[in-house]
Amino acid sequence: MKRILDKSSVTGVDADFKAEDLDKKDLIGKIHRNIWDYVNEKRPEIPNMQLKRNTGNGGIYIWLNDKDYLDIVFTPSVNRKNQIALRLWMDFHIARPERMKGMSFDEIMQDATISQTLEALDAVIKPLLDKNTWYFHGRTYEGNKTYFPSYIDELRFIHSNGWMDGDITNNPQFWIDLDKPSYFEDKQIIATIGDMLIANYDFRKALQDFK
């Protein structure tokens, strides 16, 4: 990533770009093409995917079976630092089965299936939330100084506030912040988005029959 950014600064790629002039449809079109190729190459056994219509927002549907599918949304905007902020709105939601009603998050995590699948999901997300991965971040909740270092930590906070009485997991939001559109074509960024989609699929697929 650093090599690409340095090269861009030398060659003048997007040299005159201003974030307020962002062409959202062009950006989403390139992201769509790149992540489609990435996921198909890395996981050709994922049977059925469909890109969302490009309206300046985008995303992808990924089928888990004949009737259930993931609905993941990409939304570009300009943040306070005048960077392009691509929001990834994931589809992690799992409802609580009746037997887990009233349980705390730590009690839910004693279920081996839940703990194993969440830990596998966080094995992808947690390294991205490390402060050294400067372009990726999660949601900062009111009253907190920064985002959580893992998805499991974020879930524990949500549960402790009583916001998940009927659910185990939510549909969280993450952001990738970059200075120029061309940076979203970097292999590391494509892999970040693609690996998030694959992790989302694997998590929901593993729990599709959870009761």
C-alpha atoms as a PDB file:
ATOM      1  CA  MET A   1       0.000   0.000   0.000  1.00  0.00           C
ATOM      2  CA  LYS A   2       2.740   2.473   0.920  1.00  0.00           C
ATOM      3  CA  ARG A   3       4.527   1.799  -2.372  1.00  0.00           C
ATOM      4  CA  ILE A   4       1.374   2.572  -4.352  1.00  0.00           C
ATOM      5  CA  LEU A   5       0.727   5.788  -2.427  1.00  0.00           C
ATOM      6  CA  ASP A   6       4.310   6.930  -2.896  1.00  0.00           C
ATOM      7  CA  LYS A   7       4.161   6.108  -6.606  1.00  0.00           C
ATOM      8  CA  SER A   8       0.900   8.030  -6.969  1.00  0.00           C
ATOM      9  CA  SER A   9       2.405  11.102  -5.372  1.00  0.00           C
ATOM     10  CA  VAL A  10       5.317  10.978  -7.818  1.00  0.00           C
ATOM     11  CA  THR A  11       3.440  10.224 -11.036  1.00  0.00           C
ATOM     12  CA  GLY A  12       0.549  12.579 -10.400  1.00  0.00           C
ATOM     13  CA  VAL A  13      -2.225   9.969 -10.343  1.00  0.00           C
ATOM     14  CA  ASP A  14      -5.298  11.914  -9.112  1.00  0.00           C
ATOM     15  CA  ALA A  15      -2.925  14.814  -8.500  1.00  0.00           C
ATOM     16  CA  ASP A  16      -5.670  17.417  -8.957  1.00  0.00           C
ATOM     17  CA  PHE A  17      -8.381  15.408  -7.203  1.00  0.00           C
ATOM     18  CA  LYS A  18     -10.576  17.188  -4.681  1.00  0.00           C
ATOM     19  CA  ALA A  19     -12.784  15.055  -2.462  1.00  0.00           C
ATOM     20  CA  GLU A  20     -15.780  17.304  -3.047  1.00  0.00           C
ATOM     21  CA  ASP A  21     -15.562  16.387  -6.754  1.00  0.00           C
ATOM     22  CA  LEU A  22     -15.860  12.661  -6.017  1.00  0.00           C
ATOM     23  CA  ASP A  23     -17.599  10.676  -8.777  1.00  0.00           C
ATOM     24  CA  LYS A  24     -19.353   8.125  -6.597  1.00  0.00           C
ATOM     25  CA  LYS A  25     -20.689   6.003  -9.454  1.00  0.00           C
ATOM     26  CA  ASP A  26     -17.256   5.705 -11.025  1.00  0.00           C
ATOM     27  CA  LEU A  27     -15.715   4.739  -7.674  1.00  0.00           C
ATOM     28  CA  ILE A  28     -18.403   2.139  -6.921  1.00  0.00           C
ATOM     29  CA  GLY A  29     -18.110   0.708 -10.428  1.00  0.00           C
ATOM     30  CA  LYS A  30     -14.396   0.079  -9.955  1.00  0.00           C
ATOM     31  CA  ILE A  31     -14.888  -1.360  -6.465  1.00  0.00           C
ATOM     32  CA  HIS A  32     -17.622  -3.658  -7.788  1.00  0.00           C
ATOM     33  CA  ARG A  33     -15.428  -5.020 -10.585  1.00  0.00           C
ATOM     34  CA  ASN A  34     -12.396  -5.528  -8.387  1.00  0.00           C
ATOM     35  CA  ILE A  35     -14.095  -7.225  -5.440  1.00  0.00           C
ATOM     36  CA  TRP A  36     -16.144  -9.416  -7.813  1.00  0.00           C
ATOM     37  CA  ASP A  37     -12.938 -10.696  -9.396  1.00  0.00           C
ATOM     38  CA  TYR A  38     -11.217 -11.058  -6.009  1.00  0.00           C
ATOM     39  CA  VAL A  39     -13.967 -13.108  -4.353  1.00  0.00           C
ATOM     40  CA  ASN A  40     -14.523 -15.291  -7.416  1.00  0.00           C
ATOM     41  CA  GLU A  41     -10.820 -16.045  -7.667  1.00  0.00           C
ATOM     42  CA  LYS A  42     -10.278 -16.673  -3.952  1.00  0.00           C
ATOM     43  CA  ARG A  43     -13.518 -18.547  -3.254  1.00  0.00           C
ATOM     44  CA  PRO A  44     -14.964 -19.908  -6.516  1.00  0.00           C
ATOM     45  CA  GLU A  45     -17.134 -22.339  -4.531  1.00  0.00           C
ATOM     46  CA  ILE A  46     -19.345 -19.496  -3.251  1.00  0.00           C
ATOM     47  CA  PRO A  47     -22.272 -20.347  -5.498  1.00  0.00           C
ATOM     48  CA  ASN A  48     -24.351 -17.251  -6.122  1.00  0.00           C
ATOM     49  CA  MET A  49     -23.505 -13.554  -5.909  1.00  0.00           C
ATOM     50  CA  GLN A  50     -25.087 -10.480  -7.424  1.00  0.00           C
ATOM     51  CA  LEU A  51     -23.758  -6.933  -7.406  1.00  0.00           C
ATOM     52  CA  LYS A  52     -26.190  -4.237  -6.366  1.00  0.00           C
ATOM     53  CA  ARG A  53     -27.268  -1.588  -8.848  1.00  0.00           C
ATOM     54  CA  ASN A  54     -24.718   1.219  -8.942  1.00  0.00           C
ATOM     55  CA  THR A  55     -26.515   4.399  -7.887  1.00  0.00           C
ATOM     56  CA  GLY A  56     -23.442   6.023  -6.370  1.00  0.00           C
ATOM     57  CA  ASN A  57     -23.941   3.552  -3.561  1.00  0.00           C
ATOM     58  CA  GLY A  58     -23.367  -0.136  -4.152  1.00  0.00           C
ATOM     59  CA  GLY A  59     -22.800  -3.480  -2.532  1.00  0.00           C
ATOM     60  CA  ILE A  60     -23.444  -7.140  -3.084  1.00  0.00           C
ATOM     61  CA  TYR A  61     -25.942  -9.914  -2.433  1.00  0.00           C
ATOM     62  CA  ILE A  62     -24.484 -13.321  -1.569  1.00  0.00           C
ATOM     63  CA  TRP A  63     -26.863 -16.273  -1.297  1.00  0.00           C
ATOM     64  CA  LEU A  64     -26.463 -18.699   1.596  1.00  0.00           C
ATOM     65  CA  ASN A  65     -29.102 -21.093   0.267  1.00  0.00           C
ATOM     66  CA  ASP A  66     -32.185 -20.966  -1.949  1.00  0.00           C
ATOM     67  CA  LYS A  67     -33.972 -18.347   0.178  1.00  0.00           C
ATOM     68  CA  ASP A  68     -31.471 -16.619   2.484  1.00  0.00           C
ATOM     69  CA  TYR A  69     -28.850 -14.121   1.335  1.00  0.00           C
ATOM     70  CA  LEU A  70     -26.457 -11.480   2.617  1.00  0.00           C
ATOM     71  CA  ASP A  71     -27.187  -7.841   1.820  1.00  0.00           C
ATOM     72  CA  ILE A  72     -23.943  -5.862   2.155  1.00  0.00           C
ATOM     73  CA  VAL A  73     -23.915  -2.142   1.346  1.00  0.00           C
ATOM     74  CA  PHE A  74     -21.081   0.136   0.139  1.00  0.00           C
ATOM     75  CA  THR A  75     -21.614   3.871   0.698  1.00  0.00           C
ATOM     76  CA  PRO A  76     -18.955   6.439  -0.273  1.00  0.00           C
ATOM     77  CA  SER A  77     -18.907   9.922   1.240  1.00  0.00           C
ATOM     78  CA  VAL A  78     -16.457  12.674   2.153  1.00  0.00           C
ATOM     79  CA  ASN A  79     -15.418  12.807   5.814  1.00  0.00           C
ATOM     80  CA  ARG A  80     -14.356  15.723   8.013  1.00  0.00           C
ATOM     81  CA  LYS A  81     -10.739  15.273   6.970  1.00  0.00           C
ATOM     82  CA  ASN A  82     -11.773  15.703   3.322  1.00  0.00           C
ATOM     83  CA  GLN A  83     -11.021  12.039   2.635  1.00  0.00           C
ATOM     84  CA  ILE A  84     -13.142   9.529   0.769  1.00  0.00           C
ATOM     85  CA  ALA A  85     -14.841   7.398   3.422  1.00  0.00           C
ATOM     86  CA  LEU A  86     -16.234   4.115   2.110  1.00  0.00           C
ATOM     87  CA  ARG A  87     -18.719   2.644   4.574  1.00  0.00           C
ATOM     88  CA  LEU A  88     -19.053  -1.144   4.606  1.00  0.00           C
ATOM     89  CA  TRP A  89     -22.423  -2.016   6.143  1.00  0.00           C
ATOM     90  CA  MET A  90     -22.118  -5.704   6.898  1.00  0.00           C
ATOM     91  CA  ASP A  91     -24.784  -8.397   7.341  1.00  0.00           C
ATOM     92  CA  PHE A  92     -23.794 -10.343  10.470  1.00  0.00           C
ATOM     93  CA  HIS A  93     -27.224 -10.472  12.112  1.00  0.00           C
ATOM     94  CA  ILE A  94     -28.131 -13.631  14.034  1.00  0.00           C
ATOM     95  CA  ALA A  95     -31.281 -13.659  16.191  1.00  0.00           C
ATOM     96  CA  ARG A  96     -31.270 -15.273  19.619  1.00  0.00           C
ATOM     97  CA  PRO A  97     -32.910 -18.676  19.812  1.00  0.00           C
ATOM     98  CA  GLU A  98     -35.466 -19.033  22.588  1.00  0.00           C
ATOM     99  CA  ARG A  99     -32.991 -20.873  24.823  1.00  0.00           C
ATOM    100  CA  MET A 100     -30.694 -17.824  24.875  1.00  0.00           C
ATOM    101  CA  LYS A 101     -33.305 -15.235  25.827  1.00  0.00           C
ATOM    102  CA  GLY A 102     -32.184 -13.339  28.917  1.00  0.00           C
ATOM    103  CA  MET A 103     -28.547 -14.441  28.676  1.00  0.00           C
ATOM    104  CA  SER A 104     -25.658 -12.003  29.013  1.00  0.00           C
ATOM    105  CA  PHE A 105     -23.107 -11.807  26.221  1.00  0.00           C
ATOM    106  CA  ASP A 106     -20.558 -13.766  28.233  1.00  0.00           C
ATOM    107  CA  GLU A 107     -23.160 -16.477  28.830  1.00  0.00           C
ATOM    108  CA  ILE A 108     -23.925 -16.599  25.100  1.00  0.00           C
ATOM    109  CA  MET A 109     -20.200 -16.928  24.385  1.00  0.00           C
ATOM    110  CA  GLN A 110     -20.116 -20.126  26.426  1.00  0.00           C
ATOM    111  CA  ASP A 111     -21.897 -21.800  23.514  1.00  0.00           C
ATOM    112  CA  ALA A 112     -19.090 -23.424  21.504  1.00  0.00           C
ATOM    113  CA  THR A 113     -20.702 -22.803  18.114  1.00  0.00           C
ATOM    114  CA  ILE A 114     -21.174 -19.098  18.793  1.00  0.00           C
ATOM    115  CA  SER A 115     -17.741 -18.567  20.310  1.00  0.00           C
ATOM    116  CA  GLN A 116     -15.934 -20.447  17.533  1.00  0.00           C
ATOM    117  CA  THR A 117     -17.732 -18.674  14.690  1.00  0.00           C
ATOM    118  CA  LEU A 118     -17.365 -15.227  16.261  1.00  0.00           C
ATOM    119  CA  GLU A 119     -13.679 -15.803  16.951  1.00  0.00           C
ATOM    120  CA  ALA A 120     -13.168 -16.908  13.335  1.00  0.00           C
ATOM    121  CA  LEU A 121     -14.952 -13.766  12.134  1.00  0.00           C
ATOM    122  CA  ASP A 122     -12.894 -11.571  14.449  1.00  0.00           C
ATOM    123  CA  ALA A 123      -9.696 -13.199  13.199  1.00  0.00           C
ATOM    124  CA  VAL A 124     -10.344 -11.200  10.014  1.00  0.00           C
ATOM    125  CA  ILE A 125     -11.733  -8.021  11.591  1.00  0.00           C
ATOM    126  CA  LYS A 126      -9.501  -7.531  14.642  1.00  0.00           C
ATOM    127  CA  PRO A 127      -6.222  -7.055  12.690  1.00  0.00           C
ATOM    128  CA  LEU A 128      -7.969  -4.445  10.537  1.00  0.00           C
ATOM    129  CA  LEU A 129      -9.094  -2.543  13.649  1.00  0.00           C
ATOM    130  CA  ASP A 130      -5.504  -2.373  14.898  1.00  0.00           C
ATOM    131  CA  LYS A 131      -4.368   1.261  14.918  1.00  0.00           C
ATOM    132  CA  ASN A 132      -1.506   0.313  12.579  1.00  0.00           C
ATOM    133  CA  THR A 133      -4.085  -0.379   9.861  1.00  0.00           C
ATOM    134  CA  TRP A 134      -4.562   3.349   9.494  1.00  0.00           C
ATOM    135  CA  TYR A 135      -7.165   3.303   6.718  1.00  0.00           C
ATOM    136  CA  PHE A 136      -9.753   1.048   8.453  1.00  0.00           C
ATOM    137  CA  HIS A 137     -11.923   1.820  11.465  1.00  0.00           C
ATOM    138  CA  GLY A 138     -15.123   0.876  13.217  1.00  0.00           C
ATOM    139  CA  ARG A 139     -17.903   2.843  14.843  1.00  0.00           C
ATOM    140  CA  THR A 140     -17.146   5.136  17.778  1.00  0.00           C
ATOM    141  CA  TYR A 141     -20.117   5.165  20.135  1.00  0.00           C
ATOM    142  CA  GLU A 142     -21.234   8.258  22.013  1.00  0.00           C
ATOM    143  CA  GLY A 143     -19.249   8.642  25.212  1.00  0.00           C
ATOM    144  CA  ASN A 144     -16.314   6.604  23.897  1.00  0.00           C
ATOM    145  CA  LYS A 145     -13.047   8.127  22.701  1.00  0.00           C
ATOM    146  CA  THR A 146     -12.455   5.683  19.861  1.00  0.00           C
ATOM    147  CA  TYR A 147     -13.711   2.520  18.199  1.00  0.00           C
ATOM    148  CA  PHE A 148     -13.362  -0.935  19.725  1.00  0.00           C
ATOM    149  CA  PRO A 149     -10.263  -3.079  19.011  1.00  0.00           C
ATOM    150  CA  SER A 150     -12.375  -6.075  17.955  1.00  0.00           C
ATOM    151  CA  TYR A 151     -15.899  -6.918  16.857  1.00  0.00           C
ATOM    152  CA  ILE A 152     -16.358  -9.129  19.931  1.00  0.00           C
ATOM    153  CA  ASP A 153     -15.506  -6.163  22.181  1.00  0.00           C
ATOM    154  CA  GLU A 154     -18.038  -4.018  20.319  1.00  0.00           C
ATOM    155  CA  LEU A 155     -20.697  -6.710  20.719  1.00  0.00           C
ATOM    156  CA  ARG A 156     -19.990  -7.005  24.440  1.00  0.00           C
ATOM    157  CA  PHE A 157     -20.524  -3.244  24.785  1.00  0.00           C
ATOM    158  CA  ILE A 158     -23.794  -3.356  22.834  1.00  0.00           C
ATOM    159  CA  HIS A 159     -25.118  -6.266  24.891  1.00  0.00           C
ATOM    160  CA  SER A 160     -24.087  -4.624  28.176  1.00  0.00           C
ATOM    161  CA  ASN A 161     -26.194  -1.602  27.244  1.00  0.00           C
ATOM    162  CA  GLY A 162     -29.266  -3.773  26.708  1.00  0.00           C
ATOM    163  CA  TRP A 163     -29.524  -3.066  22.984  1.00  0.00           C
ATOM    164  CA  MET A 164     -29.528  -6.708  21.818  1.00  0.00           C
ATOM    165  CA  ASP A 165     -32.273  -8.418  23.829  1.00  0.00           C
ATOM    166  CA  GLY A 166     -33.524 -10.344  20.810  1.00  0.00           C
ATOM    167  CA  ASP A 167     -30.269 -10.787  18.946  1.00  0.00           C
ATOM    168  CA  ILE A 168     -26.798 -12.274  19.205  1.00  0.00           C
ATOM    169  CA  THR A 169     -25.128 -10.134  16.541  1.00  0.00           C
ATOM    170  CA  ASN A 170     -25.979  -6.918  14.710  1.00  0.00           C
ATOM    171  CA  ASN A 171     -25.179  -5.514  11.270  1.00  0.00           C
ATOM    172  CA  PRO A 172     -22.101  -3.400  12.066  1.00  0.00           C
ATOM    173  CA  GLN A 173     -20.540  -0.633  10.034  1.00  0.00           C
ATOM    174  CA  PHE A 174     -16.871  -0.187   9.198  1.00  0.00           C
ATOM    175  CA  TRP A 175     -15.094   2.496   7.160  1.00  0.00           C
ATOM    176  CA  ILE A 176     -12.128   2.689   4.823  1.00  0.00           C
ATOM    177  CA  ASP A 177     -10.749   6.251   4.615  1.00  0.00           C
ATOM    178  CA  LEU A 178      -8.427   7.170   1.735  1.00  0.00           C
ATOM    179  CA  ASP A 179      -7.351  10.400   0.083  1.00  0.00           C
ATOM    180  CA  LYS A 180      -7.952   9.561  -3.586  1.00  0.00           C
ATOM    181  CA  PRO A 181     -10.208   7.297  -5.699  1.00  0.00           C
ATOM    182  CA  SER A 182      -7.270   5.449  -7.244  1.00  0.00           C
ATOM    183  CA  TYR A 183      -6.164   4.234  -3.807  1.00  0.00           C
ATOM    184  CA  PHE A 184      -9.308   2.063  -3.667  1.00  0.00           C
ATOM    185  CA  GLU A 185      -7.845   0.072  -6.576  1.00  0.00           C
ATOM    186  CA  ASP A 186      -4.788  -0.905  -4.533  1.00  0.00           C
ATOM    187  CA  LYS A 187      -4.507  -4.668  -4.044  1.00  0.00           C
ATOM    188  CA  GLN A 188      -4.430  -4.345  -0.258  1.00  0.00           C
ATOM    189  CA  ILE A 189      -7.689  -2.376  -0.214  1.00  0.00           C
ATOM    190  CA  ILE A 190      -9.391  -4.781  -2.622  1.00  0.00           C
ATOM    191  CA  ALA A 191      -8.268  -7.688  -0.432  1.00  0.00           C
ATOM    192  CA  THR A 192      -9.554  -5.935   2.698  1.00  0.00           C
ATOM    193  CA  ILE A 193     -13.038  -5.505   1.232  1.00  0.00           C
ATOM    194  CA  GLY A 194     -13.067  -8.956  -0.360  1.00  0.00           C
ATOM    195  CA  ASP A 195     -11.916 -10.701   2.812  1.00  0.00           C
ATOM    196  CA  MET A 196     -14.615  -8.905   4.811  1.00  0.00           C
ATOM    197  CA  LEU A 197     -17.250 -10.210   2.390  1.00  0.00           C
ATOM    198  CA  ILE A 198     -15.881 -13.749   2.575  1.00  0.00           C
ATOM    199  CA  ALA A 199     -15.725 -13.634   6.383  1.00  0.00           C
ATOM    200  CA  ASN A 200     -19.329 -12.411   6.471  1.00  0.00           C
ATOM    201  CA  TYR A 201     -20.389 -15.295   4.219  1.00  0.00           C
ATOM    202  CA  ASP A 202     -18.513 -17.914   6.253  1.00  0.00           C
ATOM    203  CA  PHE A 203     -19.954 -16.621   9.533  1.00  0.00           C
ATOM    204  CA  ARG A 204     -23.559 -16.582   8.376  1.00  0.00           C
ATOM    205  CA  LYS A 205     -23.221 -19.861   6.482  1.00  0.00           C
ATOM    206  CA  ALA A 206     -21.912 -21.612   9.601  1.00  0.00           C
ATOM    207  CA  LEU A 207     -24.880 -20.354  11.639  1.00  0.00           C
ATOM    208  CA  GLN A 208     -27.691 -20.670   9.103  1.00  0.00           C
ATOM    209  CA  ASP A 209     -29.244 -23.591  11.010  1.00  0.00           C
ATOM    210  CA  PHE A 210     -28.321 -22.393  14.510  1.00  0.00           C
ATOM    211  CA  LYS A 211     -31.059 -22.942  17.092  1.00  0.00           C
END
